[in-house]
Amino acid sequence: MASSKVDWGKYAEEQEKLASKVTNLDLSANSKEPEQVPNNEASQNDAPATSESDDGKEITPAEKSLLQKIIRKGLIETTKPLEIQRKNPNSPLYSIKSFESLHLKPELLKGVYKMGFNSPSKIQETALPTLLADPPQNMIAQSQSGTGKTAAFVLAMLSRVNPAKPHPQVLCLSPTYELAIQTGEVAARMSQYCPEIKLKYAVRGEDLARGSKIEDHIIIGTPGKVLDWAMKFKFFDLKKISVFVLDEADVMIATQGHQDQCIRIHKQLPPTCQMMFFSATYETEVMEFAEIIVPNPIIIRLLKEEESLDNIKQYYVKCKSIDEKYQAITNIYGVISIGQAIIFCHTRRTANWLATKMTKDGHAVAILSGDQTVSERISILDRFRDGLEKVLITTNVLARGIDVEQVTLVVNFDLPMDQHQRADCETYLHRIGRTGRFGKSGIAINLVDSPVAMQICLDIEKHFKKKIHLLDAEDADEIEKIGA
């Protein structure tokens, strides 16, 4: 993460001499064979290995954002109020309650509805009238994933295009190849009834012949590739860009080299260019970066819905071995009706063993761990989101920041603990917070197989001041009650 004291302008000038190309997200690792059945050495009795040996590379901000986009089925229901800041507090701000109120081109409106957007989300209600107003206004918008930011700026991008002008007019930067493709897919779907609007990806694998001139109206790409195409190869003219969007700004800042590339691109844009800056977080580094990119912005901020244990029923089951843990899961599944479940294991070894065993017993199971490539994780989450697998077995790679509305059960096959075998209460909250999201109720079941695990369970209960009830996994009537 860049220091909050960085002089971004000076930093960019120093870096301008370096013709470094963007290094896109590469989380691929050598594929490994599934490990064999763990014995008691995988139980809570033993000190855990480090998180790195358990789960490969730590999840990056870019991948967390990507996974969140992949697994999201729809917009989240947010209860938080909008915070709005503007230079002139007397200037009017408009809010809309329907997409018709925006007076979009009929073909664009048709695309919006085709995507399943029936009415604007909270952030779209205020952001869209501002982004589409004339004269154009600059904006900084901050809200968590799933609140409708991408659809808002994509709709603004498409609305600003003049198809009669055969050159790039809109430039959207994303920090990684995968995130750029995600944004492009939203733009393609939203503009499906506007064939006259042309979109171009400026990402790895996309190459043009020297001397080419891009005639597409919208370019979506990563900073290094865009910088090469615009300034090194002169494929398009940054002076003709009328809308500049910086997406995933907080991820951009966390990605080495992207800040100065963005600033170098920004310096070539005309002063009349409309600037849109979108971020999931609102930290000092993000806002200092924003001040360089976006002059006189309207700032819209939507606070994050916090994780809570209030609507999650918590239980623990006493087990003597890993086989008893598995039997407990089998009993629970045999009695209560479960939408979808996430099971957290401490190691990949245990996760692989559990996935193999559940699959043999006829359960539709997917496994997600740190040794998978980005494309493998996307494929797995696509299937889970679409309900093709009912159970997702994972290590802590999915514990933080990934919300799955349809999950009704979280099982801690292994309780979360730190390297000193103490309760990791923060990870526990993140894990079981995967259920009970956005006002829905959920169930969390902790499998306790040792005195150490029992103490961790008690410490978690004490920390959150929320009772974790004993559940007899052999008693079908008792299990049935928790699912009622």
Protein backbone atom coordinates (compact mmCIF):
# COMPACT_ATOMS: atom_id res chain seq x y z
CA MET A 1 0.00 0.00 0.00
CA ALA A 2 1.35 3.41 -0.87
CA SER A 3 2.06 5.74 2.00
CA SER A 4 -0.50 8.38 2.79
CA LYS A 5 2.33 10.92 2.60
CA VAL A 6 3.20 10.21 -1.03
CA ASP A 7 3.29 13.23 -3.36
CA TRP A 8 1.52 11.49 -6.24
CA GLY A 9 2.33 14.15 -8.82
CA LYS A 10 6.05 14.15 -8.02
CA TYR A 11 6.07 10.37 -7.83
CA ALA A 12 4.56 10.12 -11.31
CA GLU A 13 7.14 12.48 -12.77
CA GLU A 14 9.97 10.44 -11.26
CA GLN A 15 8.46 7.27 -12.66
CA GLU A 16 7.83 8.71 -16.11
CA LYS A 17 11.31 7.75 -17.20
CA LEU A 18 10.53 4.11 -16.56
CA ALA A 19 8.80 2.41 -19.49
CA SER A 20 7.45 -0.28 -17.27
CA LYS A 21 4.49 -2.23 -18.53
CA VAL A 22 1.64 -3.24 -16.24
CA THR A 23 2.00 -6.53 -14.43
CA ASN A 24 -1.48 -8.04 -14.44
CA LEU A 25 -2.84 -10.16 -11.65
CA ASP A 26 -1.34 -13.64 -11.75
CA LEU A 27 -2.45 -15.86 -8.92
CA SER A 28 -1.89 -19.12 -10.73
CA ALA A 29 0.05 -21.77 -8.88
CA ASN A 30 1.27 -25.19 -9.81
CA SER A 31 -1.67 -27.55 -9.60
CA LYS A 32 -1.38 -30.17 -6.88
CA GLU A 33 -2.83 -33.62 -6.49
CA PRO A 34 -5.51 -33.94 -3.79
CA GLU A 35 -3.92 -34.95 -0.52
CA GLN A 36 -4.86 -38.14 1.28
CA VAL A 37 -7.18 -38.60 4.23
CA PRO A 38 -5.86 -36.64 7.22
CA ASN A 39 -5.64 -38.42 10.53
CA ASN A 40 -5.77 -36.80 13.95
CA GLU A 41 -2.71 -34.72 13.09
CA ALA A 42 -5.13 -32.39 11.28
CA SER A 43 -7.27 -31.95 14.37
CA GLN A 44 -7.43 -28.89 16.57
CA ASN A 45 -5.04 -30.59 19.01
CA ASP A 46 -2.05 -29.63 16.91
CA ALA A 47 -0.64 -26.20 16.29
CA PRO A 48 -1.62 -24.97 12.85
CA ALA A 49 0.82 -24.38 10.07
CA THR A 50 1.14 -20.83 8.87
CA SER A 51 -1.65 -19.47 6.73
CA GLU A 52 0.71 -19.31 3.79
CA SER A 53 1.51 -23.04 3.86
CA ASP A 54 -2.18 -23.79 4.43
CA ASP A 55 -3.57 -21.69 1.65
CA GLY A 56 -0.88 -20.64 -0.78
CA LYS A 57 -0.83 -16.97 -1.69
CA GLU A 58 -2.83 -14.59 0.43
CA ILE A 59 -5.84 -13.24 -1.42
CA THR A 60 -5.08 -9.86 -2.99
CA PRO A 61 -7.39 -6.83 -2.97
CA ALA A 62 -7.85 -7.29 -6.73
CA GLU A 63 -8.88 -10.92 -6.43
CA LYS A 64 -11.18 -10.22 -3.49
CA SER A 65 -12.96 -7.62 -5.59
CA LEU A 66 -13.12 -10.02 -8.54
CA LEU A 67 -14.52 -12.91 -6.50
CA GLN A 68 -17.12 -10.61 -5.01
CA LYS A 69 -18.27 -9.55 -8.49
CA ILE A 70 -18.41 -13.17 -9.64
CA ILE A 71 -20.46 -14.53 -6.76
CA ARG A 72 -22.90 -11.64 -6.45
CA LYS A 73 -26.36 -12.61 -7.70
CA GLY A 74 -27.88 -9.16 -7.43
CA LEU A 75 -27.74 -5.85 -5.63
CA ILE A 76 -27.46 -5.94 -1.86
CA GLU A 77 -30.12 -4.36 0.29
CA THR A 78 -28.36 -1.55 2.11
CA THR A 79 -29.79 0.30 5.08
CA LYS A 80 -27.02 2.88 5.39
CA PRO A 81 -27.67 6.52 4.45
CA LEU A 82 -25.79 8.28 1.64
CA GLU A 83 -23.24 10.91 2.58
CA ILE A 84 -22.92 13.61 -0.08
CA GLN A 85 -20.30 16.34 -0.27
CA ARG A 86 -20.09 19.05 -2.92
CA LYS A 87 -18.10 22.21 -3.38
CA ASN A 88 -21.20 24.38 -3.65
CA PRO A 89 -23.73 23.13 -1.06
CA ASN A 90 -26.38 25.34 -2.66
CA SER A 91 -26.20 23.63 -6.04
CA PRO A 92 -29.15 21.29 -6.53
CA LEU A 93 -28.74 17.52 -6.42
CA TYR A 94 -31.36 15.41 -8.08
CA SER A 95 -32.51 11.94 -7.14
CA ILE A 96 -34.48 9.52 -9.29
CA LYS A 97 -36.67 6.56 -8.40
CA SER A 98 -36.90 4.97 -11.86
CA PHE A 99 -34.58 4.57 -14.84
CA GLU A 100 -37.22 6.20 -17.07
CA SER A 101 -36.60 9.45 -15.19
CA LEU A 102 -33.10 9.59 -16.69
CA HIS A 103 -34.49 10.03 -20.24
CA LEU A 104 -32.09 7.47 -21.63
CA LYS A 105 -32.07 6.31 -25.22
CA PRO A 106 -34.80 3.65 -25.51
CA GLU A 107 -32.24 1.06 -26.60
CA LEU A 108 -30.12 1.69 -23.50
CA LEU A 109 -33.14 1.57 -21.22
CA LYS A 110 -34.11 -1.75 -22.79
CA GLY A 111 -30.62 -3.07 -22.04
CA VAL A 112 -30.85 -1.95 -18.42
CA TYR A 113 -34.11 -3.80 -17.91
CA LYS A 114 -32.83 -6.84 -19.77
CA MET A 115 -30.06 -7.08 -17.16
CA GLY A 116 -32.64 -7.35 -14.41
CA PHE A 117 -32.39 -3.84 -12.98
CA ASN A 118 -35.97 -2.88 -12.14
CA SER A 119 -35.26 0.25 -10.14
CA PRO A 120 -32.11 2.19 -9.22
CA SER A 121 -30.09 1.19 -6.15
CA LYS A 122 -29.49 3.73 -3.42
CA ILE A 123 -26.19 4.96 -4.86
CA GLN A 124 -27.58 4.98 -8.42
CA GLU A 125 -30.52 7.20 -7.41
CA THR A 126 -28.16 10.12 -6.74
CA ALA A 127 -25.12 9.22 -8.84
CA LEU A 128 -26.85 8.76 -12.21
CA PRO A 129 -28.63 12.15 -12.47
CA THR A 130 -25.33 13.81 -11.54
CA LEU A 131 -23.22 11.74 -13.95
CA LEU A 132 -25.64 12.38 -16.82
CA ALA A 133 -26.17 16.08 -16.14
CA ASP A 134 -25.01 18.83 -18.51
CA PRO A 135 -22.55 20.35 -18.19
CA PRO A 136 -20.78 17.14 -17.07
CA GLN A 137 -19.85 16.93 -13.39
CA ASN A 138 -16.95 15.09 -11.81
CA MET A 139 -17.64 12.47 -9.17
CA ILE A 140 -16.00 10.37 -6.50
CA ALA A 141 -18.23 7.49 -5.41
CA GLN A 142 -17.44 5.05 -2.62
CA SER A 143 -19.50 2.04 -1.62
CA GLN A 144 -19.00 -1.67 -1.07
CA SER A 145 -19.28 -4.21 -3.84
CA GLY A 146 -22.81 -5.08 -4.82
CA THR A 147 -24.34 -1.63 -4.37
CA GLY A 148 -24.51 -0.79 -8.09
CA LYS A 149 -21.41 1.31 -8.77
CA THR A 150 -20.36 -0.53 -11.94
CA ALA A 151 -23.80 -0.31 -13.53
CA ALA A 152 -23.94 3.40 -12.67
CA PHE A 153 -20.70 4.42 -14.35
CA VAL A 154 -21.17 2.03 -17.29
CA LEU A 155 -24.58 3.56 -18.00
CA ALA A 156 -23.00 7.02 -17.84
CA MET A 157 -20.20 5.90 -20.18
CA LEU A 158 -22.62 4.52 -22.75
CA SER A 159 -24.87 7.59 -22.55
CA ARG A 160 -21.97 9.95 -23.31
CA VAL A 161 -20.90 8.20 -26.53
CA ASN A 162 -21.51 9.90 -29.86
CA PRO A 163 -21.54 6.95 -32.31
CA ALA A 164 -21.02 9.31 -35.27
CA LYS A 165 -17.46 10.05 -34.11
CA PRO A 166 -15.18 7.11 -35.04
CA HIS A 167 -12.62 7.47 -32.25
CA PRO A 168 -12.33 6.62 -28.52
CA GLN A 169 -14.37 9.02 -26.39
CA VAL A 170 -14.57 7.07 -23.13
CA LEU A 171 -11.66 5.53 -21.23
CA CYS A 172 -12.20 3.21 -18.25
CA LEU A 173 -9.22 1.90 -16.26
CA SER A 174 -9.32 -1.22 -14.09
CA PRO A 175 -6.38 -2.56 -12.07
CA THR A 176 -6.31 -6.07 -13.56
CA TYR A 177 -7.18 -7.98 -16.70
CA GLU A 178 -9.96 -9.90 -14.95
CA LEU A 179 -11.61 -6.80 -13.48
CA ALA A 180 -11.45 -5.02 -16.85
CA ILE A 181 -13.17 -7.97 -18.51
CA GLN A 182 -15.88 -7.93 -15.83
CA THR A 183 -16.58 -4.24 -16.50
CA GLY A 184 -16.56 -4.85 -20.25
CA GLU A 185 -19.09 -7.64 -19.90
CA VAL A 186 -21.45 -5.30 -18.02
CA ALA A 187 -21.01 -2.68 -20.77
CA ALA A 188 -21.63 -5.25 -23.52
CA ARG A 189 -24.81 -6.52 -21.88
CA MET A 190 -26.13 -3.05 -21.15
CA SER A 191 -25.49 -1.91 -24.73
CA GLN A 192 -26.76 -5.09 -26.40
CA TYR A 193 -29.46 -3.12 -28.21
CA CYS A 194 -27.00 -0.39 -29.27
CA PRO A 195 -24.84 -2.10 -31.93
CA GLU A 196 -23.57 1.30 -33.08
CA ILE A 197 -21.56 1.66 -29.82
CA LYS A 198 -18.21 -0.08 -30.20
CA LEU A 199 -16.11 -1.34 -27.27
CA LYS A 200 -12.39 -2.19 -27.23
CA TYR A 201 -10.36 -4.00 -24.56
CA ALA A 202 -6.86 -2.72 -23.85
CA VAL A 203 -5.59 -5.69 -21.88
CA ARG A 204 -2.95 -8.39 -22.16
CA GLY A 205 -3.42 -10.57 -25.22
CA GLU A 206 -4.93 -7.72 -27.23
CA ASP A 207 -2.46 -6.48 -29.83
CA LEU A 208 -2.72 -4.08 -32.76
CA ALA A 209 -0.55 -3.63 -35.82
CA ARG A 210 1.79 -0.64 -35.73
CA GLY A 211 0.23 2.40 -37.33
CA SER A 212 -3.31 1.29 -36.44
CA LYS A 213 -5.91 3.79 -35.33
CA ILE A 214 -8.65 2.68 -32.94
CA GLU A 215 -12.14 3.65 -34.09
CA ASP A 216 -14.06 2.08 -31.19
CA HIS A 217 -15.88 4.51 -28.91
CA ILE A 218 -15.06 3.01 -25.51
CA ILE A 219 -11.76 1.61 -24.29
CA ILE A 220 -11.71 -0.51 -21.12
CA GLY A 221 -8.29 -1.64 -20.02
CA THR A 222 -5.42 -1.78 -17.58
CA PRO A 223 -3.14 1.24 -17.03
CA GLY A 224 0.05 -0.15 -18.56
CA LYS A 225 -1.57 -1.35 -21.77
CA VAL A 226 -3.53 1.89 -22.17
CA LEU A 227 -0.37 3.92 -21.60
CA ASP A 228 1.47 1.94 -24.30
CA TRP A 229 -1.39 2.20 -26.80
CA ALA A 230 -1.91 5.92 -26.29
CA MET A 231 1.60 7.30 -25.79
CA LYS A 232 4.02 4.76 -27.22
CA PHE A 233 2.12 3.48 -30.26
CA LYS A 234 -0.32 6.41 -30.75
CA PHE A 235 -3.26 4.06 -31.44
CA PHE A 236 -5.63 6.70 -30.08
CA ASP A 237 -5.57 10.30 -28.85
CA LEU A 238 -6.06 10.93 -25.14
CA LYS A 239 -6.89 14.56 -25.97
CA LYS A 240 -10.16 13.36 -27.54
CA ILE A 241 -11.34 11.47 -24.44
CA SER A 242 -14.42 13.11 -22.95
CA VAL A 243 -15.11 10.65 -20.09
CA PHE A 244 -12.43 9.11 -17.87
CA VAL A 245 -13.40 6.43 -15.35
CA LEU A 246 -11.06 5.06 -12.71
CA ASP A 247 -12.62 1.90 -11.29
CA GLU A 248 -11.52 -0.05 -8.21
CA ALA A 249 -9.41 2.90 -7.12
CA ASP A 250 -8.48 1.33 -3.77
CA VAL A 251 -7.24 -1.80 -5.58
CA MET A 252 -5.39 0.41 -8.06
CA ILE A 253 -3.49 2.05 -5.21
CA ALA A 254 -2.60 -1.36 -3.76
CA THR A 255 -1.19 -2.54 -7.11
CA GLN A 256 2.46 -1.63 -7.64
CA GLY A 257 3.08 0.83 -10.43
CA HIS A 258 -0.52 1.62 -11.27
CA GLN A 259 -0.71 4.97 -9.48
CA ASP A 260 1.93 6.68 -11.59
CA GLN A 261 0.59 5.10 -14.81
CA CYS A 262 -2.88 6.47 -14.04
CA ILE A 263 -1.49 9.91 -13.36
CA ARG A 264 0.56 9.92 -16.56
CA ILE A 265 -2.59 9.05 -18.52
CA HIS A 266 -4.62 11.63 -16.61
CA LYS A 267 -2.13 14.41 -17.42
CA GLN A 268 -2.79 13.94 -21.15
CA LEU A 269 -6.58 14.28 -20.88
CA PRO A 270 -8.32 17.53 -21.88
CA PRO A 271 -9.48 19.85 -19.06
CA THR A 272 -13.08 19.39 -20.21
CA CYS A 273 -12.95 15.61 -19.64
CA GLN A 274 -15.50 14.31 -17.14
CA MET A 275 -13.78 12.38 -14.32
CA MET A 276 -15.40 9.50 -12.44
CA PHE A 277 -13.58 7.83 -9.57
CA PHE A 278 -15.01 4.69 -7.94
CA SER A 279 -13.75 2.86 -4.88
CA ALA A 280 -14.97 0.34 -2.32
CA THR A 281 -13.06 2.07 0.49
CA TYR A 282 -12.62 5.65 1.58
CA GLU A 283 -9.23 5.67 3.28
CA THR A 284 -6.67 8.49 3.32
CA GLU A 285 -4.62 7.01 0.47
CA VAL A 286 -7.70 6.70 -1.71
CA MET A 287 -8.80 10.29 -1.17
CA GLU A 288 -5.31 11.74 -1.68
CA PHE A 289 -5.11 9.85 -4.96
CA ALA A 290 -8.60 11.06 -5.87
CA GLU A 291 -7.58 14.69 -5.33
CA ILE A 292 -4.95 14.30 -8.05
CA ILE A 293 -7.39 12.72 -10.52
CA VAL A 294 -10.72 14.46 -9.89
CA PRO A 295 -11.01 18.26 -9.66
CA ASN A 296 -14.04 19.79 -7.90
CA PRO A 297 -15.88 16.50 -7.43
CA ILE A 298 -19.24 15.69 -5.99
CA ILE A 299 -18.49 12.98 -3.42
CA ILE A 300 -21.02 10.25 -2.75
CA ARG A 301 -20.26 7.83 0.05
CA LEU A 302 -22.30 4.82 1.13
CA LEU A 303 -21.09 3.22 4.34
CA LYS A 304 -20.61 -0.53 4.42
CA GLU A 305 -23.18 -2.82 5.96
CA GLU A 306 -21.35 -4.22 8.95
CA GLU A 307 -21.23 -7.89 9.75
CA SER A 308 -23.32 -8.84 12.76
CA LEU A 309 -24.11 -11.96 14.75
CA ASP A 310 -27.56 -10.72 15.75
CA ASN A 311 -29.52 -12.83 13.27
CA ILE A 312 -27.23 -15.88 13.24
CA LYS A 313 -28.00 -18.91 15.43
CA GLN A 314 -24.70 -20.29 16.74
CA TYR A 315 -24.11 -23.89 17.84
CA TYR A 316 -21.23 -26.21 18.66
CA VAL A 317 -21.05 -29.98 18.34
CA LYS A 318 -18.66 -32.08 20.45
CA CYS A 319 -16.69 -34.59 18.37
CA LYS A 320 -13.91 -37.03 19.26
CA SER A 321 -12.31 -37.36 15.81
CA ILE A 322 -12.35 -36.10 12.26
CA ASP A 323 -14.69 -38.96 11.36
CA GLU A 324 -17.15 -37.84 14.03
CA LYS A 325 -16.96 -34.34 12.56
CA TYR A 326 -17.92 -35.75 9.20
CA GLN A 327 -20.74 -37.78 10.75
CA ALA A 328 -22.06 -34.60 12.40
CA ILE A 329 -22.21 -32.83 9.02
CA THR A 330 -23.95 -35.86 7.48
CA ASN A 331 -26.55 -35.93 10.26
CA ILE A 332 -27.27 -32.23 9.95
CA TYR A 333 -27.69 -32.49 6.18
CA GLY A 334 -29.99 -35.46 6.60
CA VAL A 335 -32.44 -33.54 8.76
CA ILE A 336 -32.63 -29.84 7.95
CA SER A 337 -33.33 -28.19 4.62
CA ILE A 338 -30.32 -26.11 3.64
CA GLY A 339 -30.14 -23.59 0.80
CA GLN A 340 -26.39 -23.45 0.39
CA ALA A 341 -23.55 -23.91 2.82
CA ILE A 342 -19.92 -22.91 3.23
CA ILE A 343 -17.65 -25.21 5.24
CA PHE A 344 -14.37 -23.71 6.49
CA CYS A 345 -11.33 -25.95 7.00
CA HIS A 346 -7.98 -24.93 8.40
CA THR A 347 -5.86 -26.65 5.76
CA ARG A 348 -6.14 -27.57 2.11
CA ARG A 349 -5.42 -31.14 3.13
CA THR A 350 -8.54 -31.35 5.27
CA ALA A 351 -10.60 -29.47 2.66
CA ASN A 352 -9.58 -31.91 -0.08
CA TRP A 353 -10.34 -34.92 2.13
CA LEU A 354 -13.76 -33.56 3.10
CA ALA A 355 -14.68 -32.67 -0.50
CA THR A 356 -13.74 -36.16 -1.71
CA LYS A 357 -15.75 -37.84 1.06
CA MET A 358 -18.86 -35.66 0.58
CA THR A 359 -18.77 -36.16 -3.18
CA LYS A 360 -18.63 -39.96 -2.73
CA ASP A 361 -21.71 -39.68 -0.52
CA GLY A 362 -23.64 -37.90 -3.25
CA HIS A 363 -23.36 -34.25 -2.18
CA ALA A 364 -22.87 -31.54 -4.84
CA VAL A 365 -19.64 -30.06 -3.51
CA ALA A 366 -17.13 -27.48 -4.74
CA ILE A 367 -13.76 -26.69 -3.20
CA LEU A 368 -11.98 -23.33 -3.22
CA SER A 369 -8.41 -22.92 -1.99
CA GLY A 370 -5.30 -20.83 -2.42
CA ASP A 371 -3.58 -23.06 -4.95
CA GLN A 372 -6.12 -22.48 -7.73
CA THR A 373 -5.81 -20.13 -10.66
CA VAL A 374 -8.09 -17.14 -11.11
CA SER A 375 -10.01 -18.87 -13.89
CA GLU A 376 -10.51 -21.98 -11.73
CA ARG A 377 -11.88 -19.88 -8.87
CA ILE A 378 -14.20 -18.00 -11.22
CA SER A 379 -15.56 -21.26 -12.61
CA ILE A 380 -16.14 -22.67 -9.11
CA LEU A 381 -17.89 -19.54 -7.84
CA ASP A 382 -20.02 -19.33 -11.00
CA ARG A 383 -21.32 -22.84 -10.34
CA PHE A 384 -21.89 -22.16 -6.65
CA ARG A 385 -23.68 -18.88 -7.35
CA ASP A 386 -25.93 -20.63 -9.86
CA GLY A 387 -26.80 -23.34 -7.35
CA LEU A 388 -25.10 -26.17 -9.26
CA GLU A 389 -23.17 -26.97 -6.07
CA LYS A 390 -24.88 -26.68 -2.71
CA VAL A 391 -21.74 -26.87 -0.59
CA LEU A 392 -18.58 -24.82 -0.91
CA ILE A 393 -15.61 -26.12 1.06
CA THR A 394 -12.88 -23.57 1.53
CA THR A 395 -9.98 -22.40 3.62
CA ASN A 396 -9.69 -18.79 4.79
CA VAL A 397 -9.35 -17.62 1.18
CA LEU A 398 -13.10 -16.97 1.29
CA ALA A 399 -13.43 -15.84 4.91
CA ARG A 400 -13.16 -12.10 4.33
CA GLY A 401 -15.09 -9.80 2.09
CA ILE A 402 -17.08 -12.31 0.06
CA ASP A 403 -20.83 -12.09 0.63
CA VAL A 404 -23.15 -14.84 -0.60
CA GLU A 405 -26.78 -13.98 -0.01
CA GLN A 406 -28.10 -17.49 -0.64
CA VAL A 407 -25.90 -19.12 2.04
CA THR A 408 -27.97 -20.24 5.02
CA LEU A 409 -25.39 -22.38 6.85
CA VAL A 410 -21.74 -21.90 7.74
CA VAL A 411 -19.84 -24.81 9.31
CA ASN A 412 -16.48 -24.33 11.00
CA PHE A 413 -15.03 -27.79 10.43
CA ASP A 414 -11.98 -26.31 12.14
CA LEU A 415 -12.37 -23.30 14.43
CA PRO A 416 -10.29 -20.27 13.43
CA MET A 417 -7.21 -19.71 15.55
CA ASP A 418 -3.95 -17.83 15.33
CA GLN A 419 -0.44 -19.27 15.28
CA HIS A 420 -0.48 -19.52 19.08
CA GLN A 421 -3.69 -21.59 19.09
CA ARG A 422 -5.73 -18.69 20.43
CA ALA A 423 -9.19 -17.80 19.20
CA ASP A 424 -9.15 -15.67 16.05
CA CYS A 425 -12.36 -13.76 16.76
CA GLU A 426 -12.09 -11.45 13.77
CA THR A 427 -11.83 -14.35 11.33
CA TYR A 428 -14.74 -16.06 13.11
CA LEU A 429 -16.92 -13.01 12.56
CA HIS A 430 -15.92 -12.82 8.90
CA ARG A 431 -16.52 -16.53 8.41
CA ILE A 432 -19.96 -16.88 9.91
CA GLY A 433 -20.85 -13.43 8.61
CA ARG A 434 -21.03 -15.13 5.20
CA THR A 435 -24.52 -16.16 6.30
CA GLY A 436 -27.20 -14.00 7.86
CA ARG A 437 -26.35 -11.19 5.45
CA PHE A 438 -28.55 -8.17 4.76
CA GLY A 439 -31.26 -8.95 7.28
CA LYS A 440 -31.53 -12.66 6.49
CA SER A 441 -31.25 -15.33 9.19
CA GLY A 442 -28.50 -17.92 9.22
CA ILE A 443 -27.03 -20.86 11.13
CA ALA A 444 -23.41 -21.33 12.21
CA ILE A 445 -22.21 -24.70 13.50
CA ASN A 446 -18.79 -25.19 15.09
CA LEU A 447 -17.27 -28.66 15.27
CA VAL A 448 -15.23 -29.06 18.46
CA ASP A 449 -12.80 -32.00 18.60
CA SER A 450 -10.39 -31.17 21.43
CA PRO A 451 -9.95 -29.22 24.69
CA VAL A 452 -8.11 -26.55 22.68
CA ALA A 453 -11.04 -26.21 20.29
CA MET A 454 -13.49 -26.06 23.21
CA GLN A 455 -11.52 -23.24 24.81
CA ILE A 456 -11.45 -21.35 21.49
CA CYS A 457 -15.23 -21.75 21.28
CA LEU A 458 -15.67 -20.40 24.82
CA ASP A 459 -13.32 -17.48 24.12
CA ILE A 460 -15.28 -16.57 20.98
CA GLU A 461 -18.53 -16.72 22.95
CA LYS A 462 -17.08 -14.45 25.64
CA HIS A 463 -15.63 -12.02 23.09
CA PHE A 464 -18.88 -11.45 21.21
CA LYS A 465 -21.14 -11.89 24.27
CA LYS A 466 -23.34 -14.18 22.16
CA LYS A 467 -24.32 -17.63 23.37
CA ILE A 468 -23.05 -20.60 21.34
CA HIS A 469 -25.44 -23.44 22.14
CA LEU A 470 -24.52 -27.10 22.46
CA LEU A 471 -26.08 -29.21 19.70
CA ASP A 472 -26.43 -32.98 19.84
CA ALA A 473 -25.77 -34.00 16.25
CA GLU A 474 -27.17 -37.48 17.01
CA ASP A 475 -30.57 -36.09 17.97
CA ALA A 476 -32.66 -35.60 14.81
CA ASP A 477 -35.42 -33.75 16.67
CA GLU A 478 -32.96 -31.23 18.09
CA ILE A 479 -31.37 -30.67 14.69
CA GLU A 480 -34.79 -30.20 13.13
CA LYS A 481 -35.57 -27.43 15.64
CA ILE A 482 -32.56 -25.31 14.63
CA GLY A 483 -33.62 -25.38 11.00
CA ALA A 484 -37.18 -24.35 11.74
